[in-house]
Each structure stands twice: as structure tokens, then as C-alpha cells.
Amino acid sequence: MLRVYLDQNKWIDLARAASGHPAGGRFSDALALARAGVASGTVSFPLDMYRYWETSKRGNDRSRNEVVDVMRELSQQHTMALPFGILDHEIDQALRSRFGRPAAPRQQQVFGIGMRHITEGRMSWPTFDLRALPDGGASLPNGVWTELGRVVAESIEEDLLRAGPATFRSVGFEHTASDHAQRFVDFENTVARTIVQNGLRGDGIELIIRATDLTDIRPAVVEALERIGLTYEQFVRISSIPELMVFMDDLPTRYVTNVMRSAKHRQKQQKWEPNDFIDILALPVAAVYCDIVVTEKQWAHRLRQGKVNQRYSTVLLNDTADLVQVLVNASMT
């Protein structure tokens, strides 16, 4: 199955095509081929947590639901795991290649169904309860009971995807109150000042980017090292700086993260923005584990510069209309 990841603006392109919006006309062929691929079971358009998050911020109910309609149709509730469990697997694999252990690296199923897959079962809701029926549901055939449960679960999944700012406010959450994106920008601006103050270029920028990232993922590395009987201090002591940098590059999603970060830090005329936070979180998993990624022009360019497409055999596109030729080519292989 060909897995295609669309960032938020690309979903909007297809939603405009589906709703007959004038700006969607040039994407109608891409939508038609996407629908055909999904119907045949040969193409999957998985959603991640960040598609739920970005969609939920749209205050206009009509436009949000137009996007959700296309998301539900093409994704068929296929979803992608969060980066954290994937990172645990990647760290275990990297340690095993160096030390021969752990013997059984932690596994992570990247693709699955629904929000419960995204949250690894941490999100749950009541199962369909037939005890309210007069006979406790005894008169219902097992197949009907199962189907009712499936319909209820699917309805909850749909409600989660359609929820907008008003729904979140009603349960005490305000999107604008989240400061994670701004804290990310503040951190990257601190890194940028360090680069300038120390006159870093080329390999120097690569070094500081990977060093700060190793600090960021240190808790996950510490936990993984404990599983093979090493402390973080021992790991750092027996590893040269080049070896630590290679270790970071051996973690596929962090390799992509740092390609994106270092590329932006080299382009000083482009300032860090809060929207970059979601891109830095979302794109690495997609770029490593999906077959096709359609994202904005700056990131597609930077990922190609970092040879991410070659390293992970990923097709990188920045124009949703270009899906037409890619899907046609895929159908002929």
C-alpha cells in the first residue's frame, strides 16, 4: 500500500477541489486519483495527531468540516503513531548496532486505525453497552452487536476530528493558551544567537544542532541505555564527538528533524515562526515512513537538500497537483 502524507495546506487544496471552490480546480484530478487509489485499497492517506490539532484550530465550522469530510474519506481513519514511541524503537536499534543489545529492541507500529492508535491506547471511551435494552441485548445477533459497537466507535472518531475551538473551550482547553510553539521559537532563537556569537558555519552548525537535539532527547536515551546496563555518562565518555553525531544521524526521525533545523539556521533571513513547531514535529515521521510527502515548498526543498528523499526513498512534493503523475506512475508498477 502506497502511503501518502499531506500537510494541512495540501488537505485544504483537496477540500477546495471537493467543495467546488474556484481555487480547487487545479487539484480536481489529484482528488479523483486519490479517491480511486483509496477505493482500490492501493493508496492510504494517514493522519497524525498534528492534523487533528491543526484542523481543530479552524474556527469556521463550514470550512473545517469541508476539510474533515475529505480527511475522513481519504484516510479511512488510517493514522500514524506519535514520534515518541517511534524514537524509542530507533534508539534501541541504534544502540543494538553499536553494542549488540538490547537483544529485543522495542517495537512500534507506525500505522494503525484511529485516535486510539495515535495515543497507543491512552485515549479510550466506553464500549457499546447493551444492558440498557430490555433483554440486555440477548435478542441481538452477535454480528449486529459487533456492528453497533463499530458504528459507535467510528462516530466518536468522527467527533474528535470535527471538534473545533468552541468544543475545546467548552471542556476547558483554549488553543491560544498553549505556549509550546512560542517556547520552541524562543529556543531556536537562542540557538541562532549562539551560532552568530561563535561565528559557526558548515560543520559547526551541524554540530550544535545535533548537540542541542541530543540534549532534547536525553530522557529517552537515558531510559534506553538503562535497558542495556549503561548510564548516559558512560555512553558519552566512551563515544567521541563524531561518534555521538553519527549516533544522532542513525535515528531516522531525528536525522530529518536536524536536517530541517540546520537548513533553517543556515538561512538567517527566514525567522523562526510558531508554525514551524508543528512542521518540525510532524514531517520527520512522515518523511521516513511514508512513501510520498506533500508539504510546503521550503520544507520540500530543504529535505531534498538533506538527501532525505534518497536516504529513505521518499517522494517529496510541494504542489498537490503533482500527485497526479506520482499516483499514475504508482498504478502502473
Protein backbone atom coordinates (compact mmCIF):
# COMPACT_ATOMS: atom_id res chain seq x y z
CA MET A 1 0.00 0.00 0.00
CA LEU A 2 1.31 3.41 -1.01
CA ARG A 3 1.22 5.78 1.96
CA VAL A 4 0.80 9.47 1.18
CA TYR A 5 1.21 12.18 3.83
CA LEU A 6 -0.37 15.59 3.26
CA ASP A 7 0.37 18.59 5.42
CA GLN A 8 -2.51 20.86 6.36
CA ASN A 9 -2.48 23.17 3.35
CA LYS A 10 -2.50 20.19 1.00
CA TRP A 11 -5.60 18.79 2.67
CA ILE A 12 -7.15 22.21 2.16
CA ASP A 13 -6.28 22.03 -1.55
CA LEU A 14 -8.22 18.76 -1.88
CA ALA A 15 -11.09 20.06 0.25
CA ARG A 16 -11.42 23.01 -2.10
CA ALA A 17 -11.48 20.66 -5.06
CA ALA A 18 -14.17 18.54 -3.39
CA SER A 19 -16.35 21.53 -2.49
CA GLY A 20 -16.10 23.19 -5.90
CA HIS A 21 -14.13 26.18 -4.62
CA PRO A 22 -12.59 28.15 -7.53
CA ALA A 23 -9.11 27.71 -6.06
CA GLY A 24 -9.57 23.94 -6.02
CA GLY A 25 -10.00 23.39 -9.75
CA ARG A 26 -6.36 22.57 -10.46
CA PHE A 27 -6.44 19.84 -7.79
CA SER A 28 -9.55 18.03 -9.04
CA ASP A 29 -7.55 15.40 -10.95
CA ALA A 30 -5.39 14.72 -7.89
CA LEU A 31 -8.53 14.27 -5.80
CA ALA A 32 -10.07 11.91 -8.36
CA LEU A 33 -6.95 9.73 -8.47
CA ALA A 34 -6.65 9.79 -4.68
CA ARG A 35 -10.23 8.60 -4.36
CA ALA A 36 -9.64 5.84 -6.88
CA GLY A 37 -6.49 4.68 -5.09
CA VAL A 38 -8.26 4.58 -1.73
CA ALA A 39 -11.25 2.73 -3.21
CA SER A 40 -8.94 0.10 -4.70
CA GLY A 41 -7.05 -0.31 -1.43
CA THR A 42 -3.71 0.57 -3.01
CA VAL A 43 -3.27 4.06 -1.51
CA SER A 44 -3.55 5.26 2.08
CA PHE A 45 -3.61 8.85 3.36
CA PRO A 46 -2.82 8.51 7.08
CA LEU A 47 -3.50 11.28 9.58
CA ASP A 48 -1.29 12.10 12.53
CA MET A 49 -2.02 13.93 15.78
CA TYR A 50 -0.95 17.21 14.22
CA ARG A 51 -3.62 17.01 11.51
CA TYR A 52 -6.22 16.69 14.29
CA TRP A 53 -4.62 19.65 16.09
CA GLU A 54 -4.36 21.91 13.05
CA THR A 55 -7.87 21.09 11.90
CA SER A 56 -9.36 21.75 15.33
CA LYS A 57 -7.98 25.31 15.29
CA ARG A 58 -10.18 26.32 12.33
CA GLY A 59 -12.98 28.40 13.80
CA ASN A 60 -15.21 28.43 10.71
CA ASP A 61 -17.39 25.33 11.04
CA ARG A 62 -18.15 25.08 7.31
CA SER A 63 -14.56 25.24 6.11
CA ARG A 64 -13.35 22.96 8.91
CA ASN A 65 -15.95 20.34 8.10
CA GLU A 66 -15.12 20.50 4.39
CA VAL A 67 -11.55 19.61 5.26
CA VAL A 68 -12.72 16.89 7.66
CA ASP A 69 -15.00 15.39 5.00
CA VAL A 70 -12.04 14.85 2.68
CA MET A 71 -9.79 13.69 5.52
CA ARG A 72 -12.30 11.06 6.56
CA GLU A 73 -12.95 9.91 3.01
CA LEU A 74 -9.30 9.51 2.03
CA SER A 75 -7.79 8.46 5.35
CA GLN A 76 -10.43 5.84 6.15
CA GLN A 77 -9.28 6.54 9.74
CA HIS A 78 -5.74 5.33 8.98
CA THR A 79 -3.41 7.07 11.42
CA MET A 80 0.27 7.38 12.32
CA ALA A 81 1.85 6.91 15.73
CA LEU A 82 3.30 9.79 17.70
CA PRO A 83 7.05 10.41 17.29
CA PHE A 84 7.93 9.40 20.85
CA GLY A 85 7.32 5.66 20.64
CA ILE A 86 8.95 5.61 17.21
CA LEU A 87 12.00 7.33 18.71
CA ASP A 88 12.27 4.64 21.41
CA HIS A 89 12.43 1.98 18.70
CA GLU A 90 15.01 3.93 16.72
CA ILE A 91 17.24 4.46 19.76
CA ASP A 92 17.13 0.75 20.59
CA GLN A 93 18.08 -0.10 17.01
CA ALA A 94 20.98 2.36 17.04
CA LEU A 95 22.27 1.03 20.36
CA ARG A 96 21.99 -2.55 19.15
CA SER A 97 24.11 -1.73 16.09
CA ARG A 98 26.82 -0.36 18.40
CA PHE A 99 26.71 -2.65 21.43
CA GLY A 100 24.79 -5.72 20.24
CA ARG A 101 21.98 -5.00 22.67
CA PRO A 102 19.17 -4.77 23.53
CA ALA A 103 18.52 -8.22 22.14
CA ALA A 104 14.88 -7.31 21.56
CA PRO A 105 14.51 -3.64 20.56
CA ARG A 106 11.20 -2.09 21.45
CA GLN A 107 8.81 -2.22 18.52
CA GLN A 108 6.44 0.47 17.32
CA GLN A 109 3.63 0.00 14.85
CA VAL A 110 3.78 3.22 12.85
CA PHE A 111 0.44 2.85 11.06
CA GLY A 112 -2.88 1.87 12.56
CA ILE A 113 -6.51 2.90 12.90
CA GLY A 114 -7.96 5.89 14.70
CA MET A 115 -7.05 8.11 17.60
CA ARG A 116 -6.56 5.12 19.88
CA HIS A 117 -3.64 4.06 17.69
CA ILE A 118 -2.15 7.56 17.78
CA THR A 119 -2.31 7.62 21.57
CA GLU A 120 -1.22 3.98 21.95
CA GLY A 121 -4.39 3.15 23.85
CA ARG A 122 -4.05 6.00 26.34
CA MET A 123 -7.28 7.51 24.97
CA SER A 124 -10.32 5.34 25.48
CA TRP A 125 -14.08 5.68 25.55
CA PRO A 126 -16.94 3.49 26.77
CA THR A 127 -17.71 0.41 24.74
CA PHE A 128 -21.18 -0.03 23.37
CA ASP A 129 -23.32 -1.20 26.31
CA LEU A 130 -26.46 -3.21 25.51
CA ARG A 131 -27.53 -3.71 29.12
CA ALA A 132 -29.95 -0.79 28.79
CA LEU A 133 -32.07 -2.88 26.42
CA PRO A 134 -34.97 -4.81 28.00
CA ASP A 135 -33.32 -8.18 27.41
CA GLY A 136 -29.78 -6.93 27.82
CA GLY A 137 -29.21 -7.30 24.11
CA ALA A 138 -29.65 -11.07 24.21
CA SER A 139 -32.01 -10.98 21.25
CA LEU A 140 -29.48 -9.26 19.02
CA PRO A 141 -27.32 -11.47 16.82
CA ASN A 142 -23.60 -11.22 17.55
CA GLY A 143 -22.96 -9.63 14.17
CA VAL A 144 -25.39 -6.80 14.91
CA TRP A 145 -23.83 -6.22 18.33
CA THR A 146 -20.38 -6.01 16.77
CA GLU A 147 -21.57 -3.67 14.03
CA LEU A 148 -23.27 -1.35 16.52
CA GLY A 149 -20.05 -1.16 18.51
CA ARG A 150 -18.12 -0.32 15.36
CA VAL A 151 -20.58 2.42 14.41
CA VAL A 152 -20.38 3.98 17.88
CA ALA A 153 -16.56 3.92 17.85
CA GLU A 154 -16.47 5.43 14.36
CA SER A 155 -18.88 8.16 15.42
CA ILE A 156 -16.63 9.09 18.33
CA GLU A 157 -13.62 9.17 16.00
CA GLU A 158 -15.51 11.50 13.66
CA ASP A 159 -16.49 13.81 16.52
CA LEU A 160 -12.86 14.04 17.60
CA LEU A 161 -11.77 15.08 14.14
CA ARG A 162 -14.63 17.55 13.65
CA ALA A 163 -14.23 19.26 17.04
CA GLY A 164 -13.44 22.95 16.70
CA PRO A 165 -12.25 25.70 19.05
CA ALA A 166 -15.68 26.12 20.62
CA THR A 167 -15.82 22.43 21.56
CA PHE A 168 -12.37 22.59 23.11
CA ARG A 169 -13.23 25.76 25.03
CA SER A 170 -16.34 24.04 26.40
CA VAL A 171 -14.13 21.43 28.09
CA GLY A 172 -11.67 23.99 29.40
CA PHE A 173 -8.99 23.99 26.70
CA GLU A 174 -8.03 27.08 24.74
CA HIS A 175 -5.76 26.65 21.70
CA THR A 176 -4.30 30.12 22.09
CA ALA A 177 -3.25 29.35 25.65
CA SER A 178 -0.74 26.74 24.50
CA ASP A 179 2.78 28.21 24.60
CA HIS A 180 4.68 25.20 23.22
CA ALA A 181 5.16 26.78 19.80
CA GLN A 182 6.47 30.04 21.24
CA ARG A 183 8.80 28.19 23.59
CA PHE A 184 10.12 26.31 20.56
CA VAL A 185 10.73 29.60 18.72
CA ASP A 186 12.48 31.06 21.76
CA PHE A 187 14.75 28.03 21.97
CA GLU A 188 15.67 28.12 18.29
CA ASN A 189 16.35 31.86 18.54
CA THR A 190 18.74 31.11 21.40
CA VAL A 191 20.50 28.56 19.22
CA ALA A 192 20.65 31.11 16.39
CA ARG A 193 22.29 33.69 18.66
CA THR A 194 24.85 31.11 19.78
CA ILE A 195 25.67 30.32 16.15
CA VAL A 196 26.20 34.01 15.36
CA GLN A 197 28.15 34.79 18.53
CA ASN A 198 30.56 31.93 17.87
CA GLY A 199 30.81 32.54 14.13
CA LEU A 200 29.73 28.98 13.36
CA ARG A 201 29.42 27.78 9.78
CA GLY A 202 29.11 24.48 7.94
CA ASP A 203 30.07 21.59 10.20
CA GLY A 204 29.93 23.88 13.22
CA ILE A 205 26.23 24.47 12.67
CA GLU A 206 25.63 20.74 12.18
CA LEU A 207 27.46 20.05 15.44
CA ILE A 208 25.48 22.48 17.56
CA ILE A 209 22.16 21.38 16.02
CA ARG A 210 22.81 17.73 16.84
CA ALA A 211 24.24 18.53 20.27
CA THR A 212 21.13 20.51 21.25
CA ASP A 213 18.93 17.74 19.88
CA LEU A 214 20.79 15.11 21.91
CA THR A 215 20.05 17.24 24.98
CA ASP A 216 16.41 17.41 23.97
CA ILE A 217 16.01 13.63 23.65
CA ARG A 218 18.29 12.82 26.60
CA PRO A 219 15.48 11.37 28.79
CA ALA A 220 14.62 8.84 26.05
CA VAL A 221 18.31 8.00 25.55
CA VAL A 222 18.84 7.57 29.31
CA GLU A 223 15.90 5.17 29.52
CA ALA A 224 17.18 3.14 26.56
CA LEU A 225 20.72 2.98 27.98
CA GLU A 226 19.42 1.75 31.33
CA ARG A 227 17.84 -1.18 29.49
CA ILE A 228 21.31 -2.28 28.30
CA GLY A 229 23.12 -1.57 31.56
CA LEU A 230 24.80 1.73 30.66
CA THR A 231 24.49 5.20 32.14
CA TYR A 232 24.30 8.30 30.00
CA GLU A 233 27.64 9.45 31.42
CA GLN A 234 29.29 6.16 30.43
CA PHE A 235 27.81 6.39 26.95
CA VAL A 236 29.14 9.92 26.44
CA ARG A 237 32.56 9.03 27.92
CA ILE A 238 33.16 6.10 25.57
CA SER A 239 31.91 7.97 22.49
CA SER A 240 33.86 10.59 20.58
CA ILE A 241 32.05 13.71 19.38
CA PRO A 242 31.94 12.39 15.78
CA GLU A 243 30.54 9.08 17.10
CA LEU A 244 27.81 10.93 19.01
CA MET A 245 26.90 12.86 15.87
CA VAL A 246 26.72 9.62 13.88
CA PHE A 247 24.52 8.16 16.64
CA MET A 248 22.11 11.08 16.20
CA ASP A 249 22.07 10.59 12.43
CA ASP A 250 21.31 6.88 12.95
CA LEU A 251 17.96 7.86 14.47
CA PRO A 252 15.93 8.34 11.28
CA THR A 253 13.30 10.76 12.57
CA ARG A 254 15.93 12.84 14.38
CA TYR A 255 18.06 12.90 11.25
CA VAL A 256 15.15 14.52 9.42
CA THR A 257 14.44 16.85 12.36
CA ASN A 258 18.01 18.10 12.29
CA VAL A 259 18.13 18.44 8.51
CA MET A 260 15.16 20.79 8.84
CA ARG A 261 16.60 22.70 11.79
CA SER A 262 20.10 23.14 10.40
CA ALA A 263 18.78 24.19 6.98
CA LYS A 264 16.67 26.94 8.52
CA HIS A 265 19.50 28.09 10.76
CA ARG A 266 21.73 28.48 7.71
CA GLN A 267 19.09 30.72 6.08
CA LYS A 268 19.26 33.60 8.55
CA GLN A 269 16.89 35.80 6.56
CA GLN A 270 13.97 33.49 7.43
CA LYS A 271 12.93 33.88 11.04
CA TRP A 272 11.58 31.05 13.16
CA GLU A 273 7.79 31.14 13.41
CA PRO A 274 5.36 29.29 15.72
CA ASN A 275 4.01 27.37 12.70
CA ASP A 276 7.48 25.82 12.28
CA PHE A 277 6.88 23.93 15.54
CA ILE A 278 4.20 21.68 14.05
CA ASP A 279 6.23 21.09 10.89
CA ILE A 280 9.32 20.07 12.87
CA LEU A 281 7.20 17.64 14.90
CA ALA A 282 5.12 16.18 12.09
CA LEU A 283 7.27 15.92 8.98
CA PRO A 284 10.11 13.69 10.27
CA VAL A 285 7.88 10.65 10.89
CA ALA A 286 6.14 11.14 7.55
CA ALA A 287 9.38 11.68 5.63
CA VAL A 288 10.88 8.44 6.99
CA TYR A 289 7.91 6.08 6.99
CA CYS A 290 5.56 7.31 4.24
CA ASP A 291 6.18 6.83 0.53
CA ILE A 292 5.08 10.30 -0.55
CA VAL A 293 5.10 13.55 1.42
CA VAL A 294 3.38 16.67 0.12
CA THR A 295 4.41 19.73 2.09
CA GLU A 296 5.20 23.39 1.64
CA LYS A 297 7.89 24.44 -0.78
CA GLN A 298 10.52 25.48 1.78
CA TRP A 299 10.47 22.14 3.58
CA ALA A 300 10.37 20.02 0.43
CA HIS A 301 13.44 21.94 -0.80
CA ARG A 302 15.29 21.58 2.49
CA LEU A 303 14.53 17.89 2.81
CA ARG A 304 15.88 17.34 -0.69
CA GLN A 305 18.99 19.33 0.21
CA GLY A 306 19.49 16.96 3.15
CA LYS A 307 19.02 13.99 0.79
CA VAL A 308 16.11 12.75 2.90
CA ASN A 309 14.36 11.57 -0.26
CA GLN A 310 17.37 9.45 -1.19
CA ARG A 311 18.07 8.19 2.32
CA TYR A 312 14.51 6.95 2.94
CA SER A 313 13.23 6.51 -0.65
CA THR A 314 10.58 9.17 -0.12
CA VAL A 315 8.97 11.18 -2.90
CA LEU A 316 8.86 14.82 -1.82
CA LEU A 317 6.33 17.16 -3.43
CA ASN A 318 5.32 20.74 -2.75
CA ASP A 319 2.42 21.01 -5.20
CA THR A 320 -0.69 18.93 -4.55
CA ALA A 321 -1.38 18.82 -8.30
CA ASP A 322 1.86 16.85 -8.76
CA LEU A 323 0.18 13.91 -7.02
CA VAL A 324 -1.46 13.14 -10.36
CA GLN A 325 1.70 11.92 -12.07
CA VAL A 326 3.03 10.17 -8.97
CA LEU A 327 -0.21 8.24 -8.44
CA VAL A 328 -0.41 7.38 -12.14
CA ASN A 329 3.16 6.09 -12.10
CA ALA A 330 2.47 4.06 -8.96
CA SER A 331 -0.61 2.45 -10.53
CA MET A 332 1.50 1.25 -13.45
CA THR A 333 4.16 -0.52 -11.36
